[in-house]
Amino acid sequence: MRTKSSIFLAVIASFAVLMFPSEIIAESSETTTITPINEEISLQKTVTTMIVPEDNTLPWGFVTGSPSEYVERHPVIIQFFDDSDDLVHVAQVDVKGDGSYEYKFRVTSIDENGSMEKAFEGEYTVVIHRVIPNSNQLV
């Protein structure tokens, strides 16, 4: 099932950074690049923007990927960079059998004194690395 159309669908599959309910905003414009690793696999890199409002009170955020083609035993790597391009958080997530993935992370928490602590606030660049089958058989 390594057809060009299914690979194309995998490339245009939606990657979203979500908050439930949606107080965290993921920029709708994202960029995806594919770099061949060898004859069989390529690295798909998706870059999007996550914005956490100053008045956010919800505790959890999510990074999810739609079902698509994937390469077994290659997890998804998710990196969060702040506005200074400093790496502030990184995660490794296993891919489910349908090719989807989900990463749940803390945005806010309550300390022992009852005060809210914010792990994320402001704008972040989210970079998602995923290994996929090659779409070009000539590589």
C-alpha atoms as a PDB file:
ATOM      1  CA  MET A   1       0.000   0.000   0.000  1.00  0.00           C
ATOM      2  CA  ARG A   2       2.829   2.352  -0.856  1.00  0.00           C
ATOM      3  CA  THR A   3       0.974   4.222  -3.566  1.00  0.00           C
ATOM      4  CA  LYS A   4       1.712   7.835  -4.369  1.00  0.00           C
ATOM      5  CA  SER A   5      -1.824   8.872  -3.458  1.00  0.00           C
ATOM      6  CA  SER A   6      -1.663   7.314   0.007  1.00  0.00           C
ATOM      7  CA  ILE A   7       1.741   8.917   0.603  1.00  0.00           C
ATOM      8  CA  PHE A   8       0.323  12.238  -0.586  1.00  0.00           C
ATOM      9  CA  LEU A   9      -2.567  11.847   1.854  1.00  0.00           C
ATOM     10  CA  ALA A  10      -0.081  11.114   4.621  1.00  0.00           C
ATOM     11  CA  VAL A  11       1.794  14.308   3.787  1.00  0.00           C
ATOM     12  CA  ILE A  12      -1.323  16.454   3.884  1.00  0.00           C
ATOM     13  CA  ALA A  13      -2.665  14.742   7.017  1.00  0.00           C
ATOM     14  CA  SER A  14      -3.544  17.230   9.671  1.00  0.00           C
ATOM     15  CA  PHE A  15      -1.174  17.714  12.576  1.00  0.00           C
ATOM     16  CA  ALA A  16      -2.761  19.816  15.278  1.00  0.00           C
ATOM     17  CA  VAL A  17      -1.789  21.135  18.631  1.00  0.00           C
ATOM     18  CA  LEU A  18      -5.024  21.190  20.589  1.00  0.00           C
ATOM     19  CA  MET A  19      -6.340  22.019  24.009  1.00  0.00           C
ATOM     20  CA  PHE A  20      -9.586  20.571  25.286  1.00  0.00           C
ATOM     21  CA  PRO A  21     -11.652  22.705  25.247  1.00  0.00           C
ATOM     22  CA  SER A  22      -9.821  24.868  22.773  1.00  0.00           C
ATOM     23  CA  GLU A  23      -8.168  27.702  24.680  1.00  0.00           C
ATOM     24  CA  ILE A  24      -4.760  26.912  23.243  1.00  0.00           C
ATOM     25  CA  ILE A  25      -4.559  27.873  19.604  1.00  0.00           C
ATOM     26  CA  ALA A  26      -2.619  26.062  16.890  1.00  0.00           C
ATOM     27  CA  GLU A  27      -1.777  28.141  13.869  1.00  0.00           C
ATOM     28  CA  SER A  28      -3.545  26.804  10.809  1.00  0.00           C
ATOM     29  CA  SER A  29      -0.500  27.381   8.606  1.00  0.00           C
ATOM     30  CA  GLU A  30       2.071  24.685   9.039  1.00  0.00           C
ATOM     31  CA  THR A  31       4.993  23.580   6.927  1.00  0.00           C
ATOM     32  CA  THR A  32       5.911  20.007   6.160  1.00  0.00           C
ATOM     33  CA  THR A  33       9.161  18.847   4.605  1.00  0.00           C
ATOM     34  CA  ILE A  34      10.212  15.320   3.700  1.00  0.00           C
ATOM     35  CA  THR A  35      13.857  14.267   3.671  1.00  0.00           C
ATOM     36  CA  PRO A  36      14.855  10.794   2.409  1.00  0.00           C
ATOM     37  CA  ILE A  37      16.920   8.759   4.886  1.00  0.00           C
ATOM     38  CA  ASN A  38      17.566   5.740   2.653  1.00  0.00           C
ATOM     39  CA  GLU A  39      15.796   3.760  -0.118  1.00  0.00           C
ATOM     40  CA  GLU A  40      12.925   2.753   2.157  1.00  0.00           C
ATOM     41  CA  ILE A  41      12.201   5.550   4.632  1.00  0.00           C
ATOM     42  CA  SER A  42      12.060   9.338   4.891  1.00  0.00           C
ATOM     43  CA  LEU A  43      11.863  11.839   7.732  1.00  0.00           C
ATOM     44  CA  GLN A  44       8.734  13.991   7.706  1.00  0.00           C
ATOM     45  CA  LYS A  45       9.140  17.276   9.621  1.00  0.00           C
ATOM     46  CA  THR A  46       6.071  19.369  10.403  1.00  0.00           C
ATOM     47  CA  VAL A  47       6.379  22.818  11.962  1.00  0.00           C
ATOM     48  CA  THR A  48       3.410  24.652  13.479  1.00  0.00           C
ATOM     49  CA  THR A  49       2.782  27.354  16.079  1.00  0.00           C
ATOM     50  CA  MET A  50       1.088  26.902  19.448  1.00  0.00           C
ATOM     51  CA  ILE A  51      -0.270  29.926  21.310  1.00  0.00           C
ATOM     52  CA  VAL A  52      -1.152  29.608  25.011  1.00  0.00           C
ATOM     53  CA  PRO A  53      -3.131  32.667  26.184  1.00  0.00           C
ATOM     54  CA  GLU A  54      -2.066  34.451  29.361  1.00  0.00           C
ATOM     55  CA  ASP A  55      -5.501  33.823  30.913  1.00  0.00           C
ATOM     56  CA  ASN A  56      -5.493  30.069  30.197  1.00  0.00           C
ATOM     57  CA  THR A  57      -6.795  28.033  33.159  1.00  0.00           C
ATOM     58  CA  LEU A  58      -7.065  24.591  31.578  1.00  0.00           C
ATOM     59  CA  PRO A  59      -4.481  22.036  32.733  1.00  0.00           C
ATOM     60  CA  TRP A  60      -3.770  19.898  29.635  1.00  0.00           C
ATOM     61  CA  GLY A  61      -2.612  20.345  26.059  1.00  0.00           C
ATOM     62  CA  PHE A  62      -2.419  17.768  23.264  1.00  0.00           C
ATOM     63  CA  VAL A  63      -0.380  17.172  20.131  1.00  0.00           C
ATOM     64  CA  THR A  64      -2.128  14.719  17.828  1.00  0.00           C
ATOM     65  CA  GLY A  65      -1.534  13.273  14.389  1.00  0.00           C
ATOM     66  CA  SER A  66      -4.113  11.764  12.062  1.00  0.00           C
ATOM     67  CA  PRO A  67      -3.968   8.130  10.935  1.00  0.00           C
ATOM     68  CA  SER A  68      -1.532   7.733   8.050  1.00  0.00           C
ATOM     69  CA  GLU A  69       1.282   5.539   6.796  1.00  0.00           C
ATOM     70  CA  TYR A  70       4.176   5.081   9.179  1.00  0.00           C
ATOM     71  CA  VAL A  71       7.241   2.926   9.753  1.00  0.00           C
ATOM     72  CA  GLU A  72       7.057   0.499  12.671  1.00  0.00           C
ATOM     73  CA  ARG A  73       9.462   0.928  15.599  1.00  0.00           C
ATOM     74  CA  HIS A  74      10.040   4.607  14.790  1.00  0.00           C
ATOM     75  CA  PRO A  75       8.402   6.892  17.376  1.00  0.00           C
ATOM     76  CA  VAL A  76       7.267  10.452  16.748  1.00  0.00           C
ATOM     77  CA  ILE A  77       9.532  13.132  18.251  1.00  0.00           C
ATOM     78  CA  ILE A  78       7.831  16.375  19.319  1.00  0.00           C
ATOM     79  CA  GLN A  79       9.866  19.466  20.202  1.00  0.00           C
ATOM     80  CA  PHE A  80       8.606  22.737  21.716  1.00  0.00           C
ATOM     81  CA  PHE A  81      10.664  25.913  21.172  1.00  0.00           C
ATOM     82  CA  ASP A  82       9.974  29.270  22.837  1.00  0.00           C
ATOM     83  CA  ASP A  83      10.089  32.637  21.056  1.00  0.00           C
ATOM     84  CA  SER A  84      13.886  32.729  21.542  1.00  0.00           C
ATOM     85  CA  ASP A  85      14.191  29.417  19.669  1.00  0.00           C
ATOM     86  CA  ASP A  86      15.287  27.679  22.885  1.00  0.00           C
ATOM     87  CA  LEU A  87      14.161  24.065  23.264  1.00  0.00           C
ATOM     88  CA  VAL A  88      11.816  24.034  26.283  1.00  0.00           C
ATOM     89  CA  HIS A  89      10.229  20.579  26.047  1.00  0.00           C
ATOM     90  CA  VAL A  90      10.687  17.384  24.055  1.00  0.00           C
ATOM     91  CA  ALA A  91       8.628  14.197  23.888  1.00  0.00           C
ATOM     92  CA  GLN A  92       8.861  10.788  22.223  1.00  0.00           C
ATOM     93  CA  VAL A  93       5.523   9.171  21.401  1.00  0.00           C
ATOM     94  CA  ASP A  94       4.757   5.729  20.002  1.00  0.00           C
ATOM     95  CA  VAL A  95       2.651   5.489  16.854  1.00  0.00           C
ATOM     96  CA  LYS A  96      -0.618   3.552  17.148  1.00  0.00           C
ATOM     97  CA  GLY A  97      -1.523   0.725  14.757  1.00  0.00           C
ATOM     98  CA  ASP A  98      -3.484   3.061  12.469  1.00  0.00           C
ATOM     99  CA  GLY A  99      -0.563   5.493  12.161  1.00  0.00           C
ATOM    100  CA  SER A 100      -2.013   8.099  14.540  1.00  0.00           C
ATOM    101  CA  TYR A 101      -0.369   9.429  17.690  1.00  0.00           C
ATOM    102  CA  GLU A 102      -1.216  11.611  20.678  1.00  0.00           C
ATOM    103  CA  TYR A 103       0.881  13.378  23.278  1.00  0.00           C
ATOM    104  CA  LYS A 104      -0.786  14.882  26.343  1.00  0.00           C
ATOM    105  CA  PHE A 105       1.168  17.416  28.396  1.00  0.00           C
ATOM    106  CA  ARG A 106       0.658  19.709  31.387  1.00  0.00           C
ATOM    107  CA  VAL A 107       0.050  23.383  30.617  1.00  0.00           C
ATOM    108  CA  THR A 108      -0.891  24.484  34.148  1.00  0.00           C
ATOM    109  CA  SER A 109      -0.866  22.854  37.559  1.00  0.00           C
ATOM    110  CA  ILE A 110      -1.695  23.790  41.138  1.00  0.00           C
ATOM    111  CA  ASP A 111       1.136  23.771  43.690  1.00  0.00           C
ATOM    112  CA  GLU A 112       0.795  22.717  47.339  1.00  0.00           C
ATOM    113  CA  ASN A 113      -0.185  26.302  48.323  1.00  0.00           C
ATOM    114  CA  GLY A 114      -3.069  26.374  45.824  1.00  0.00           C
ATOM    115  CA  SER A 115      -1.287  28.738  43.428  1.00  0.00           C
ATOM    116  CA  MET A 116      -1.453  28.117  39.685  1.00  0.00           C
ATOM    117  CA  GLU A 117       1.873  27.322  38.017  1.00  0.00           C
ATOM    118  CA  LYS A 118       2.123  27.730  34.250  1.00  0.00           C
ATOM    119  CA  ALA A 119       4.399  25.397  32.324  1.00  0.00           C
ATOM    120  CA  PHE A 120       3.490  27.051  29.001  1.00  0.00           C
ATOM    121  CA  GLU A 121       2.422  30.612  28.256  1.00  0.00           C
ATOM    122  CA  GLY A 122       2.779  32.612  25.068  1.00  0.00           C
ATOM    123  CA  GLU A 123       3.820  31.478  21.600  1.00  0.00           C
ATOM    124  CA  TYR A 124       5.773  28.299  20.842  1.00  0.00           C
ATOM    125  CA  THR A 125       7.052  26.655  17.696  1.00  0.00           C
ATOM    126  CA  VAL A 126       6.183  22.945  17.681  1.00  0.00           C
ATOM    127  CA  VAL A 127       8.311  20.657  15.487  1.00  0.00           C
ATOM    128  CA  ILE A 128       7.058  17.113  14.842  1.00  0.00           C
ATOM    129  CA  HIS A 129       9.456  14.508  13.396  1.00  0.00           C
ATOM    130  CA  ARG A 130       7.967  11.314  11.986  1.00  0.00           C
ATOM    131  CA  VAL A 131       9.469   8.473   9.931  1.00  0.00           C
ATOM    132  CA  ILE A 132       7.363   7.519   6.888  1.00  0.00           C
ATOM    133  CA  PRO A 133       7.798   5.140   3.928  1.00  0.00           C
ATOM    134  CA  ASN A 134       9.469   6.710   0.889  1.00  0.00           C
ATOM    135  CA  SER A 135       7.107   8.135  -1.698  1.00  0.00           C
ATOM    136  CA  ASN A 136       9.807   8.241  -4.386  1.00  0.00           C
ATOM    137  CA  GLN A 137      10.865   4.756  -5.471  1.00  0.00           C
ATOM    138  CA  LEU A 138      13.971   6.177  -7.244  1.00  0.00           C
ATOM    139  CA  VAL A 139      15.691   7.405  -4.066  1.00  0.00           C
END
